[in-house]
């Protein structure tokens, strides 16, 4: 978590400059500040969890941007490990990304992203609850369809490769409403 906080502190000036520069970039096609709100389903070693996910980003050029992502768990799952049943839940997650955009049509962008995140989990085994967090390198692809100049739908696949051996790597699929400000 300390590593993620350090990364966020280092990234904050970049995002702040991007947000401040976005209005002056309005002459560039399809740049500016955007946000998404949606649902993310995660699968790791048989555990299917879910979270409400929000993103805030700045598209600095038509092909590059930065974004921050926060999510809070809303769906837990029961898993069996070596005959022992437990419950696992993602309580929250935070990440920062560099994002590449490939405009395919005026209304469709393909998206690639690479970033660093931290996720906290809660596990309940035999009535005993424990929490742990794990840092991850995240990468993925997606697409965004723009309904009009401000509104759209975004779908992503992200792979979370956790650095802590206690956490299984996760495949995350998300869908959400996208809004350009």
N, C-alpha and C. Protein backbone atom coordinates (compact mmCIF):
# COMPACT_ATOMS: atom_id res chain seq x y z
N UNK A 1 0.83 -1.19 0.00
CA UNK A 1 0.00 0.00 0.00
C UNK A 1 0.87 1.24 0.00
N UNK A 2 2.00 1.21 0.73
CA UNK A 2 2.90 2.36 0.75
C UNK A 2 3.43 2.66 -0.64
N UNK A 3 3.71 1.59 -1.41
CA UNK A 3 4.20 1.77 -2.77
C UNK A 3 3.16 2.45 -3.63
N UNK A 4 1.89 2.02 -3.51
CA UNK A 4 0.82 2.62 -4.28
C UNK A 4 0.63 4.09 -3.89
N UNK A 5 0.68 4.37 -2.61
CA UNK A 5 0.53 5.75 -2.16
C UNK A 5 1.66 6.62 -2.71
N UNK A 6 2.90 6.09 -2.72
CA UNK A 6 4.03 6.82 -3.29
C UNK A 6 3.80 7.07 -4.77
N UNK A 7 3.32 6.05 -5.49
CA UNK A 7 3.03 6.21 -6.91
C UNK A 7 1.95 7.25 -7.14
N UNK A 8 0.92 7.25 -6.28
CA UNK A 8 -0.16 8.23 -6.41
C UNK A 8 0.36 9.64 -6.16
N UNK A 9 1.23 9.80 -5.17
CA UNK A 9 1.81 11.11 -4.87
C UNK A 9 2.64 11.60 -6.06
N UNK A 10 3.41 10.68 -6.65
CA UNK A 10 4.22 11.05 -7.81
C UNK A 10 3.36 11.33 -9.04
N UNK A 11 2.25 10.59 -9.18
CA UNK A 11 1.38 10.76 -10.35
C UNK A 11 0.48 11.97 -10.23
N UNK A 12 0.19 12.42 -9.02
CA UNK A 12 -0.75 13.52 -8.81
C UNK A 12 -0.38 14.79 -9.60
N UNK A 13 0.89 15.22 -9.59
CA UNK A 13 1.21 16.42 -10.38
C UNK A 13 0.97 16.22 -11.87
N UNK A 14 1.24 15.02 -12.38
CA UNK A 14 1.02 14.74 -13.80
C UNK A 14 -0.47 14.83 -14.13
N UNK A 15 -1.31 14.19 -13.30
CA UNK A 15 -2.76 14.25 -13.54
C UNK A 15 -3.25 15.68 -13.39
N UNK A 16 -2.75 16.41 -12.39
CA UNK A 16 -3.17 17.80 -12.19
C UNK A 16 -2.80 18.67 -13.40
N UNK A 17 -1.59 18.48 -13.93
CA UNK A 17 -1.20 19.23 -15.12
C UNK A 17 -2.06 18.83 -16.31
N UNK A 18 -2.38 17.54 -16.41
CA UNK A 18 -3.21 17.07 -17.52
C UNK A 18 -4.60 17.68 -17.46
N UNK A 19 -5.18 17.70 -16.26
CA UNK A 19 -6.51 18.28 -16.09
C UNK A 19 -6.47 19.77 -16.39
N UNK A 20 -5.43 20.47 -15.92
CA UNK A 20 -5.31 21.90 -16.18
C UNK A 20 -5.08 22.18 -17.66
N UNK A 21 -4.34 21.29 -18.33
CA UNK A 21 -4.03 21.50 -19.75
C UNK A 21 -5.17 21.09 -20.66
N UNK A 22 -6.07 20.25 -20.19
CA UNK A 22 -7.12 19.71 -21.04
C UNK A 22 -7.93 20.78 -21.76
N UNK A 23 -8.38 21.85 -21.08
CA UNK A 23 -9.13 22.86 -21.82
C UNK A 23 -8.30 23.50 -22.93
N UNK A 24 -6.99 23.70 -22.70
CA UNK A 24 -6.15 24.31 -23.72
C UNK A 24 -5.87 23.35 -24.86
N UNK A 25 -6.14 22.06 -24.65
CA UNK A 25 -5.95 21.07 -25.71
C UNK A 25 -7.22 20.88 -26.53
N UNK A 26 -8.24 21.70 -26.28
CA UNK A 26 -9.52 21.47 -26.92
C UNK A 26 -9.44 21.59 -28.44
N UNK A 27 -8.40 22.25 -28.95
CA UNK A 27 -8.24 22.31 -30.40
C UNK A 27 -7.82 20.96 -30.97
N UNK A 28 -7.24 20.10 -30.12
CA UNK A 28 -6.87 18.76 -30.57
C UNK A 28 -8.12 17.89 -30.58
N UNK A 29 -8.21 17.02 -31.56
CA UNK A 29 -9.38 16.16 -31.69
C UNK A 29 -9.45 15.18 -30.53
N UNK A 30 -10.59 15.12 -29.88
CA UNK A 30 -10.90 14.09 -28.90
C UNK A 30 -9.92 14.01 -27.73
N UNK A 31 -9.68 15.12 -27.07
CA UNK A 31 -8.88 15.12 -25.84
C UNK A 31 -9.74 15.69 -24.73
N UNK A 32 -9.27 15.56 -23.49
CA UNK A 32 -10.00 16.14 -22.37
C UNK A 32 -10.11 15.19 -21.20
N UNK A 33 -10.89 15.60 -20.22
CA UNK A 33 -11.07 14.84 -18.99
C UNK A 33 -12.30 13.95 -19.14
N UNK A 34 -12.21 12.72 -18.63
CA UNK A 34 -13.31 11.78 -18.73
C UNK A 34 -13.44 10.98 -17.44
N UNK A 35 -14.58 10.35 -17.28
CA UNK A 35 -14.81 9.47 -16.14
C UNK A 35 -15.66 8.29 -16.57
N UNK A 36 -15.56 7.20 -15.83
CA UNK A 36 -16.41 6.04 -16.08
C UNK A 36 -16.96 5.55 -14.74
N UNK A 37 -18.10 4.92 -14.80
CA UNK A 37 -18.70 4.30 -13.62
C UNK A 37 -19.34 3.00 -14.08
N UNK A 38 -18.96 1.89 -13.43
CA UNK A 38 -19.49 0.61 -13.88
C UNK A 38 -19.26 -0.51 -12.89
N UNK A 39 -19.32 -1.73 -13.43
CA UNK A 39 -19.18 -2.95 -12.64
C UNK A 39 -17.99 -3.74 -13.16
N UNK A 40 -17.21 -4.30 -12.24
CA UNK A 40 -16.06 -5.13 -12.60
C UNK A 40 -16.21 -6.50 -11.95
N UNK A 41 -16.16 -7.54 -12.75
CA UNK A 41 -16.19 -8.90 -12.25
C UNK A 41 -14.78 -9.47 -12.30
N UNK A 42 -14.35 -10.08 -11.21
CA UNK A 42 -12.98 -10.59 -11.11
C UNK A 42 -13.00 -12.09 -10.85
N UNK A 43 -12.08 -12.81 -11.49
CA UNK A 43 -11.96 -14.26 -11.28
C UNK A 43 -10.51 -14.58 -10.99
N UNK A 44 -10.28 -15.24 -9.85
CA UNK A 44 -8.94 -15.66 -9.45
C UNK A 44 -9.05 -17.00 -8.72
N UNK A 45 -8.42 -18.02 -9.26
CA UNK A 45 -8.42 -19.36 -8.66
C UNK A 45 -9.80 -19.82 -8.21
N UNK A 46 -10.78 -19.66 -9.08
CA UNK A 46 -12.12 -20.14 -8.78
C UNK A 46 -13.00 -19.20 -7.99
N UNK A 47 -12.46 -18.10 -7.50
CA UNK A 47 -13.26 -17.13 -6.75
C UNK A 47 -13.76 -16.05 -7.71
N UNK A 48 -15.07 -15.88 -7.75
CA UNK A 48 -15.69 -14.84 -8.57
C UNK A 48 -16.19 -13.74 -7.66
N UNK A 49 -15.56 -12.58 -7.74
CA UNK A 49 -15.97 -11.44 -6.92
C UNK A 49 -16.37 -10.29 -7.84
N UNK A 50 -17.02 -9.29 -7.28
CA UNK A 50 -17.46 -8.15 -8.07
C UNK A 50 -17.29 -6.85 -7.32
N UNK A 51 -17.19 -5.76 -8.08
CA UNK A 51 -16.98 -4.45 -7.48
C UNK A 51 -17.61 -3.36 -8.33
N UNK A 52 -18.03 -2.29 -7.69
CA UNK A 52 -18.41 -1.07 -8.37
C UNK A 52 -17.11 -0.32 -8.62
N UNK A 53 -16.94 0.13 -9.87
CA UNK A 53 -15.65 0.70 -10.27
C UNK A 53 -15.84 2.09 -10.87
N UNK A 54 -14.97 3.02 -10.46
CA UNK A 54 -14.97 4.36 -11.02
C UNK A 54 -13.59 4.73 -11.51
N UNK A 55 -13.55 5.48 -12.59
CA UNK A 55 -12.28 5.95 -13.14
C UNK A 55 -12.38 7.44 -13.44
N UNK A 56 -11.24 8.12 -13.30
CA UNK A 56 -11.12 9.51 -13.71
C UNK A 56 -9.83 9.60 -14.51
N UNK A 57 -9.93 10.15 -15.71
CA UNK A 57 -8.75 10.19 -16.56
C UNK A 57 -8.66 11.46 -17.36
N UNK A 58 -7.50 11.63 -17.98
CA UNK A 58 -7.26 12.75 -18.87
C UNK A 58 -6.67 12.20 -20.16
N UNK A 59 -7.36 12.43 -21.26
CA UNK A 59 -6.87 12.04 -22.58
C UNK A 59 -6.05 13.22 -23.09
N UNK A 60 -4.73 13.08 -23.02
CA UNK A 60 -3.82 14.18 -23.30
C UNK A 60 -3.66 14.45 -24.79
N UNK A 61 -3.69 13.39 -25.58
CA UNK A 61 -3.64 13.47 -27.04
C UNK A 61 -4.71 12.50 -27.55
N UNK A 62 -4.98 12.48 -28.85
CA UNK A 62 -5.94 11.49 -29.33
C UNK A 62 -5.49 10.05 -29.09
N UNK A 63 -4.19 9.85 -28.77
CA UNK A 63 -3.68 8.49 -28.62
C UNK A 63 -3.11 8.13 -27.25
N UNK A 64 -3.03 9.08 -26.31
CA UNK A 64 -2.43 8.79 -25.01
C UNK A 64 -3.13 9.54 -23.89
N UNK A 65 -3.25 8.85 -22.73
CA UNK A 65 -3.84 9.48 -21.56
C UNK A 65 -3.38 8.80 -20.29
N UNK A 66 -3.86 9.30 -19.16
CA UNK A 66 -3.60 8.72 -17.84
C UNK A 66 -4.94 8.62 -17.12
N UNK A 67 -5.06 7.60 -16.26
CA UNK A 67 -6.30 7.47 -15.49
C UNK A 67 -6.04 6.83 -14.15
N UNK A 68 -6.88 7.19 -13.19
CA UNK A 68 -6.90 6.57 -11.88
C UNK A 68 -8.18 5.77 -11.74
N UNK A 69 -8.10 4.69 -10.98
CA UNK A 69 -9.24 3.78 -10.85
C UNK A 69 -9.42 3.41 -9.38
N UNK A 70 -10.66 3.47 -8.90
CA UNK A 70 -11.03 3.03 -7.55
C UNK A 70 -12.21 2.09 -7.66
N UNK A 71 -12.22 1.05 -6.81
CA UNK A 71 -13.37 0.16 -6.80
C UNK A 71 -13.64 -0.31 -5.38
N UNK A 72 -14.89 -0.64 -5.14
CA UNK A 72 -15.32 -1.17 -3.85
C UNK A 72 -16.10 -2.45 -4.06
N UNK A 73 -15.75 -3.48 -3.30
CA UNK A 73 -16.37 -4.79 -3.47
C UNK A 73 -17.85 -4.81 -3.13
N UNK A 74 -18.62 -5.52 -3.97
CA UNK A 74 -20.05 -5.68 -3.74
C UNK A 74 -20.50 -7.14 -3.85
N UNK A 75 -19.60 -8.03 -4.28
CA UNK A 75 -19.96 -9.45 -4.42
C UNK A 75 -18.80 -10.30 -3.92
N UNK A 76 -19.12 -11.21 -2.99
CA UNK A 76 -18.10 -12.12 -2.47
C UNK A 76 -18.36 -13.52 -3.03
N UNK A 77 -17.51 -14.49 -2.68
CA UNK A 77 -17.67 -15.84 -3.19
C UNK A 77 -17.15 -16.84 -2.17
N UNK A 78 -17.80 -18.00 -2.12
CA UNK A 78 -17.33 -19.11 -1.29
C UNK A 78 -16.44 -20.00 -2.15
N UNK A 79 -15.28 -20.38 -1.59
CA UNK A 79 -14.36 -21.24 -2.32
C UNK A 79 -13.95 -22.42 -1.44
N UNK A 80 -13.57 -23.51 -2.09
CA UNK A 80 -13.06 -24.69 -1.40
C UNK A 80 -11.59 -24.85 -1.76
N UNK A 81 -10.74 -24.91 -0.74
CA UNK A 81 -9.32 -25.14 -0.94
C UNK A 81 -8.92 -26.35 -0.12
N UNK A 82 -8.53 -27.42 -0.79
CA UNK A 82 -8.14 -28.66 -0.12
C UNK A 82 -9.21 -29.14 0.87
N UNK A 83 -10.48 -29.02 0.46
CA UNK A 83 -11.58 -29.49 1.30
C UNK A 83 -12.01 -28.52 2.39
N UNK A 84 -11.37 -27.35 2.47
CA UNK A 84 -11.72 -26.34 3.48
C UNK A 84 -12.47 -25.21 2.78
N UNK A 85 -13.66 -24.91 3.29
CA UNK A 85 -14.50 -23.87 2.68
C UNK A 85 -14.24 -22.52 3.36
N UNK A 86 -14.08 -21.49 2.52
CA UNK A 86 -13.90 -20.14 3.04
C UNK A 86 -14.64 -19.17 2.13
N UNK A 87 -14.74 -17.93 2.59
CA UNK A 87 -15.39 -16.86 1.85
C UNK A 87 -14.35 -15.80 1.56
N UNK A 88 -14.32 -15.31 0.31
CA UNK A 88 -13.35 -14.28 -0.07
C UNK A 88 -14.10 -13.10 -0.68
N UNK A 89 -13.60 -11.91 -0.40
CA UNK A 89 -14.22 -10.68 -0.89
C UNK A 89 -13.13 -9.66 -1.16
N UNK A 90 -13.26 -8.94 -2.27
CA UNK A 90 -12.39 -7.79 -2.53
C UNK A 90 -13.05 -6.61 -1.84
N UNK A 91 -12.38 -6.01 -0.85
CA UNK A 91 -13.01 -4.89 -0.16
C UNK A 91 -12.85 -3.60 -0.96
N UNK A 92 -11.64 -3.34 -1.46
CA UNK A 92 -11.43 -2.18 -2.33
C UNK A 92 -10.14 -2.34 -3.12
N UNK A 93 -10.01 -1.51 -4.16
CA UNK A 93 -8.85 -1.55 -5.03
C UNK A 93 -8.59 -0.14 -5.55
N UNK A 94 -7.32 0.18 -5.80
CA UNK A 94 -6.93 1.46 -6.38
C UNK A 94 -5.78 1.21 -7.35
N UNK A 95 -5.79 1.93 -8.46
CA UNK A 95 -4.73 1.76 -9.46
C UNK A 95 -4.56 3.03 -10.28
N UNK A 96 -3.37 3.18 -10.86
CA UNK A 96 -3.08 4.25 -11.81
C UNK A 96 -2.58 3.61 -13.10
N UNK A 97 -2.93 4.22 -14.24
CA UNK A 97 -2.63 3.64 -15.55
C UNK A 97 -2.14 4.69 -16.54
N UNK A 98 -1.29 4.25 -17.45
CA UNK A 98 -1.05 4.93 -18.71
C UNK A 98 -1.96 4.27 -19.71
N UNK A 99 -2.64 5.06 -20.56
CA UNK A 99 -3.65 4.51 -21.45
C UNK A 99 -3.34 4.91 -22.89
N UNK A 100 -3.38 3.93 -23.79
CA UNK A 100 -3.25 4.19 -25.21
C UNK A 100 -4.60 4.03 -25.89
N UNK A 101 -4.90 4.95 -26.80
CA UNK A 101 -6.17 4.94 -27.53
C UNK A 101 -5.90 4.78 -29.03
N UNK A 102 -6.64 3.90 -29.67
CA UNK A 102 -6.54 3.74 -31.12
C UNK A 102 -7.93 3.99 -31.70
N UNK A 103 -8.14 5.20 -32.27
CA UNK A 103 -9.44 5.50 -32.87
C UNK A 103 -9.65 4.62 -34.11
N UNK A 104 -10.73 3.84 -34.12
CA UNK A 104 -11.05 2.97 -35.24
C UNK A 104 -12.05 3.66 -36.16
N UNK A 105 -13.06 4.27 -35.57
CA UNK A 105 -14.04 5.09 -36.27
C UNK A 105 -14.23 6.34 -35.42
N UNK A 106 -14.98 7.32 -35.88
CA UNK A 106 -15.22 8.49 -35.02
C UNK A 106 -15.91 8.13 -33.70
N UNK A 107 -16.60 6.99 -33.64
CA UNK A 107 -17.33 6.62 -32.42
C UNK A 107 -16.70 5.46 -31.66
N UNK A 108 -15.69 4.80 -32.18
CA UNK A 108 -15.10 3.64 -31.51
C UNK A 108 -13.60 3.82 -31.32
N UNK A 109 -13.16 3.63 -30.08
CA UNK A 109 -11.73 3.62 -29.74
C UNK A 109 -11.38 2.26 -29.18
N UNK A 110 -10.26 1.70 -29.61
CA UNK A 110 -9.68 0.55 -28.92
C UNK A 110 -8.75 1.11 -27.86
N UNK A 111 -8.64 0.41 -26.72
CA UNK A 111 -7.90 0.93 -25.57
C UNK A 111 -6.91 -0.13 -25.10
N UNK A 112 -5.70 0.31 -24.77
CA UNK A 112 -4.71 -0.53 -24.10
C UNK A 112 -4.24 0.21 -22.87
N UNK A 113 -4.02 -0.49 -21.75
CA UNK A 113 -3.58 0.19 -20.53
C UNK A 113 -2.60 -0.66 -19.75
N UNK A 114 -1.68 0.04 -19.10
CA UNK A 114 -0.68 -0.59 -18.24
C UNK A 114 -0.60 0.26 -16.98
N UNK A 115 -0.58 -0.41 -15.82
CA UNK A 115 -0.54 0.35 -14.58
C UNK A 115 -0.12 -0.46 -13.38
N UNK A 116 -0.29 0.16 -12.23
CA UNK A 116 0.11 -0.42 -10.96
C UNK A 116 -1.03 -0.22 -9.97
N UNK A 117 -1.35 -1.27 -9.20
CA UNK A 117 -2.47 -1.16 -8.29
C UNK A 117 -2.26 -1.85 -6.96
N UNK A 118 -3.22 -1.66 -6.09
CA UNK A 118 -3.24 -2.31 -4.78
C UNK A 118 -4.68 -2.71 -4.50
N UNK A 119 -4.86 -3.95 -4.06
CA UNK A 119 -6.18 -4.48 -3.78
C UNK A 119 -6.20 -5.07 -2.37
N UNK A 120 -7.27 -4.78 -1.62
CA UNK A 120 -7.42 -5.37 -0.29
C UNK A 120 -8.51 -6.44 -0.36
N UNK A 121 -8.22 -7.57 0.29
CA UNK A 121 -9.14 -8.70 0.34
C UNK A 121 -9.53 -8.99 1.77
N UNK A 122 -10.72 -9.59 1.93
CA UNK A 122 -11.16 -10.07 3.23
C UNK A 122 -11.52 -11.54 3.05
N UNK A 123 -10.94 -12.38 3.90
CA UNK A 123 -11.23 -13.81 3.84
C UNK A 123 -11.78 -14.26 5.19
N UNK A 124 -12.85 -15.06 5.14
CA UNK A 124 -13.45 -15.61 6.35
C UNK A 124 -13.33 -17.12 6.28
N UNK A 125 -12.66 -17.67 7.29
CA UNK A 125 -12.43 -19.11 7.37
C UNK A 125 -12.80 -19.57 8.77
N UNK A 126 -13.77 -20.46 8.87
CA UNK A 126 -14.25 -21.00 10.15
C UNK A 126 -14.63 -19.88 11.11
N UNK A 127 -15.28 -18.84 10.57
CA UNK A 127 -15.75 -17.73 11.40
C UNK A 127 -14.69 -16.71 11.75
N UNK A 128 -13.43 -16.94 11.35
CA UNK A 128 -12.35 -15.99 11.63
C UNK A 128 -12.09 -15.16 10.38
N UNK A 129 -12.17 -13.85 10.55
CA UNK A 129 -12.00 -12.93 9.44
C UNK A 129 -10.58 -12.38 9.42
N UNK A 130 -9.96 -12.36 8.24
CA UNK A 130 -8.64 -11.75 8.09
C UNK A 130 -8.62 -10.90 6.83
N UNK A 131 -7.85 -9.83 6.88
CA UNK A 131 -7.71 -8.94 5.73
C UNK A 131 -6.25 -8.92 5.31
N UNK A 132 -6.04 -8.83 4.01
CA UNK A 132 -4.69 -8.67 3.48
C UNK A 132 -4.77 -7.87 2.20
N UNK A 133 -3.69 -7.20 1.87
CA UNK A 133 -3.67 -6.46 0.62
C UNK A 133 -2.46 -6.90 -0.20
N UNK A 134 -2.54 -6.66 -1.51
CA UNK A 134 -1.50 -7.09 -2.42
C UNK A 134 -1.34 -6.06 -3.53
N UNK A 135 -0.08 -5.77 -3.87
CA UNK A 135 0.24 -4.88 -4.98
C UNK A 135 0.24 -5.69 -6.27
N UNK A 136 -0.09 -5.03 -7.39
CA UNK A 136 -0.15 -5.74 -8.66
C UNK A 136 0.31 -4.86 -9.82
N UNK A 137 0.85 -5.51 -10.82
CA UNK A 137 1.09 -4.89 -12.12
C UNK A 137 -0.12 -5.27 -12.96
N UNK A 138 -0.77 -4.27 -13.55
CA UNK A 138 -2.02 -4.48 -14.28
C UNK A 138 -1.83 -4.10 -15.74
N UNK A 139 -2.42 -4.88 -16.63
CA UNK A 139 -2.40 -4.55 -18.05
C UNK A 139 -3.65 -5.12 -18.70
N UNK A 140 -4.09 -4.46 -19.77
CA UNK A 140 -5.30 -4.95 -20.40
C UNK A 140 -5.67 -4.20 -21.66
N UNK A 141 -6.78 -4.62 -22.23
CA UNK A 141 -7.31 -4.04 -23.46
C UNK A 141 -8.79 -3.79 -23.30
N UNK A 142 -9.33 -2.95 -24.17
CA UNK A 142 -10.75 -2.67 -24.12
C UNK A 142 -11.20 -1.90 -25.33
N UNK A 143 -12.44 -1.48 -25.29
CA UNK A 143 -13.03 -0.68 -26.37
C UNK A 143 -14.05 0.27 -25.77
N UNK A 144 -14.21 1.39 -26.45
CA UNK A 144 -15.19 2.37 -26.02
C UNK A 144 -16.03 2.78 -27.22
N UNK A 145 -17.34 2.77 -27.04
CA UNK A 145 -18.26 3.23 -28.07
C UNK A 145 -18.87 4.54 -27.59
N UNK A 146 -18.72 5.59 -28.39
CA UNK A 146 -19.28 6.91 -28.05
C UNK A 146 -20.66 7.06 -28.68
N UNK A 147 -21.66 7.19 -27.83
CA UNK A 147 -23.03 7.38 -28.29
C UNK A 147 -23.19 8.77 -28.90
N UNK A 148 -22.57 9.77 -28.26
CA UNK A 148 -22.55 11.15 -28.75
C UNK A 148 -21.24 11.78 -28.30
N UNK A 149 -21.12 13.10 -28.36
CA UNK A 149 -19.86 13.77 -28.01
C UNK A 149 -19.48 13.62 -26.54
N UNK A 150 -20.42 13.35 -25.67
CA UNK A 150 -20.15 13.30 -24.23
C UNK A 150 -20.34 11.92 -23.60
N UNK A 151 -21.18 11.08 -24.13
CA UNK A 151 -21.58 9.83 -23.48
C UNK A 151 -21.16 8.61 -24.27
N UNK A 152 -20.88 7.53 -23.54
CA UNK A 152 -20.51 6.30 -24.21
C UNK A 152 -20.54 5.10 -23.27
N UNK A 153 -20.13 3.97 -23.81
CA UNK A 153 -20.04 2.71 -23.08
C UNK A 153 -18.62 2.18 -23.25
N UNK A 154 -18.03 1.68 -22.15
CA UNK A 154 -16.67 1.16 -22.19
C UNK A 154 -16.64 -0.25 -21.62
N UNK A 155 -15.91 -1.13 -22.30
CA UNK A 155 -15.73 -2.52 -21.89
C UNK A 155 -14.23 -2.78 -21.84
N UNK A 156 -13.75 -3.42 -20.75
CA UNK A 156 -12.31 -3.68 -20.57
C UNK A 156 -12.06 -5.10 -20.08
N UNK A 157 -10.91 -5.62 -20.42
CA UNK A 157 -10.34 -6.81 -19.79
C UNK A 157 -9.00 -6.38 -19.20
N UNK A 158 -8.79 -6.68 -17.91
CA UNK A 158 -7.53 -6.34 -17.24
C UNK A 158 -6.99 -7.56 -16.53
N UNK A 159 -5.71 -7.79 -16.66
CA UNK A 159 -5.01 -8.86 -15.93
C UNK A 159 -4.27 -8.20 -14.77
N UNK A 160 -4.54 -8.68 -13.57
CA UNK A 160 -3.83 -8.21 -12.37
C UNK A 160 -2.81 -9.28 -11.99
N UNK A 161 -1.53 -8.97 -12.09
CA UNK A 161 -0.49 -9.90 -11.67
C UNK A 161 0.03 -9.42 -10.32
N UNK A 162 -0.40 -10.13 -9.28
CA UNK A 162 -0.05 -9.73 -7.92
C UNK A 162 1.39 -10.09 -7.59
N UNK A 163 2.05 -9.19 -6.90
CA UNK A 163 3.45 -9.39 -6.51
C UNK A 163 3.56 -10.26 -5.27
N UNK A 164 2.49 -10.32 -4.49
CA UNK A 164 2.46 -11.12 -3.26
C UNK A 164 2.02 -12.54 -3.62
N UNK A 165 2.78 -13.52 -3.22
CA UNK A 165 2.47 -14.91 -3.57
C UNK A 165 1.18 -15.41 -2.94
N UNK A 166 0.67 -14.75 -1.89
CA UNK A 166 -0.57 -15.19 -1.24
C UNK A 166 -1.80 -14.88 -2.07
N UNK A 167 -1.68 -13.94 -3.01
CA UNK A 167 -2.83 -13.55 -3.83
C UNK A 167 -2.70 -14.17 -5.22
N UNK A 168 -3.75 -14.80 -5.69
CA UNK A 168 -3.76 -15.39 -7.03
C UNK A 168 -3.98 -14.28 -8.06
N UNK A 169 -3.30 -14.37 -9.20
CA UNK A 169 -3.51 -13.41 -10.27
C UNK A 169 -4.97 -13.43 -10.68
N UNK A 170 -5.47 -12.28 -11.13
CA UNK A 170 -6.90 -12.16 -11.42
C UNK A 170 -7.15 -11.68 -12.84
N UNK A 171 -8.24 -12.15 -13.40
CA UNK A 171 -8.76 -11.66 -14.68
C UNK A 171 -10.00 -10.83 -14.36
N UNK A 172 -10.00 -9.58 -14.80
CA UNK A 172 -11.07 -8.65 -14.46
C UNK A 172 -11.74 -8.18 -15.75
N UNK A 173 -13.05 -8.33 -15.84
CA UNK A 173 -13.83 -7.82 -16.97
C UNK A 173 -14.75 -6.74 -16.42
N UNK A 174 -14.72 -5.58 -17.07
CA UNK A 174 -15.55 -4.48 -16.59
C UNK A 174 -16.36 -3.88 -17.73
N UNK A 175 -17.51 -3.36 -17.37
CA UNK A 175 -18.37 -2.64 -18.30
C UNK A 175 -18.91 -1.42 -17.57
N UNK A 176 -18.97 -0.30 -18.26
CA UNK A 176 -19.42 0.91 -17.58
C UNK A 176 -19.84 2.02 -18.51
N UNK A 177 -20.48 2.99 -17.92
CA UNK A 177 -20.88 4.22 -18.58
C UNK A 177 -19.67 5.15 -18.61
N UNK A 178 -19.40 5.76 -19.75
CA UNK A 178 -18.28 6.69 -19.90
C UNK A 178 -18.82 8.08 -20.19
N UNK A 179 -18.20 9.09 -19.58
CA UNK A 179 -18.65 10.47 -19.75
C UNK A 179 -17.43 11.37 -19.95
N UNK A 180 -17.45 12.17 -21.01
CA UNK A 180 -16.41 13.17 -21.27
C UNK A 180 -16.88 14.49 -20.69
N UNK A 181 -16.02 15.13 -19.89
CA UNK A 181 -16.40 16.40 -19.25
C UNK A 181 -15.94 17.59 -20.06
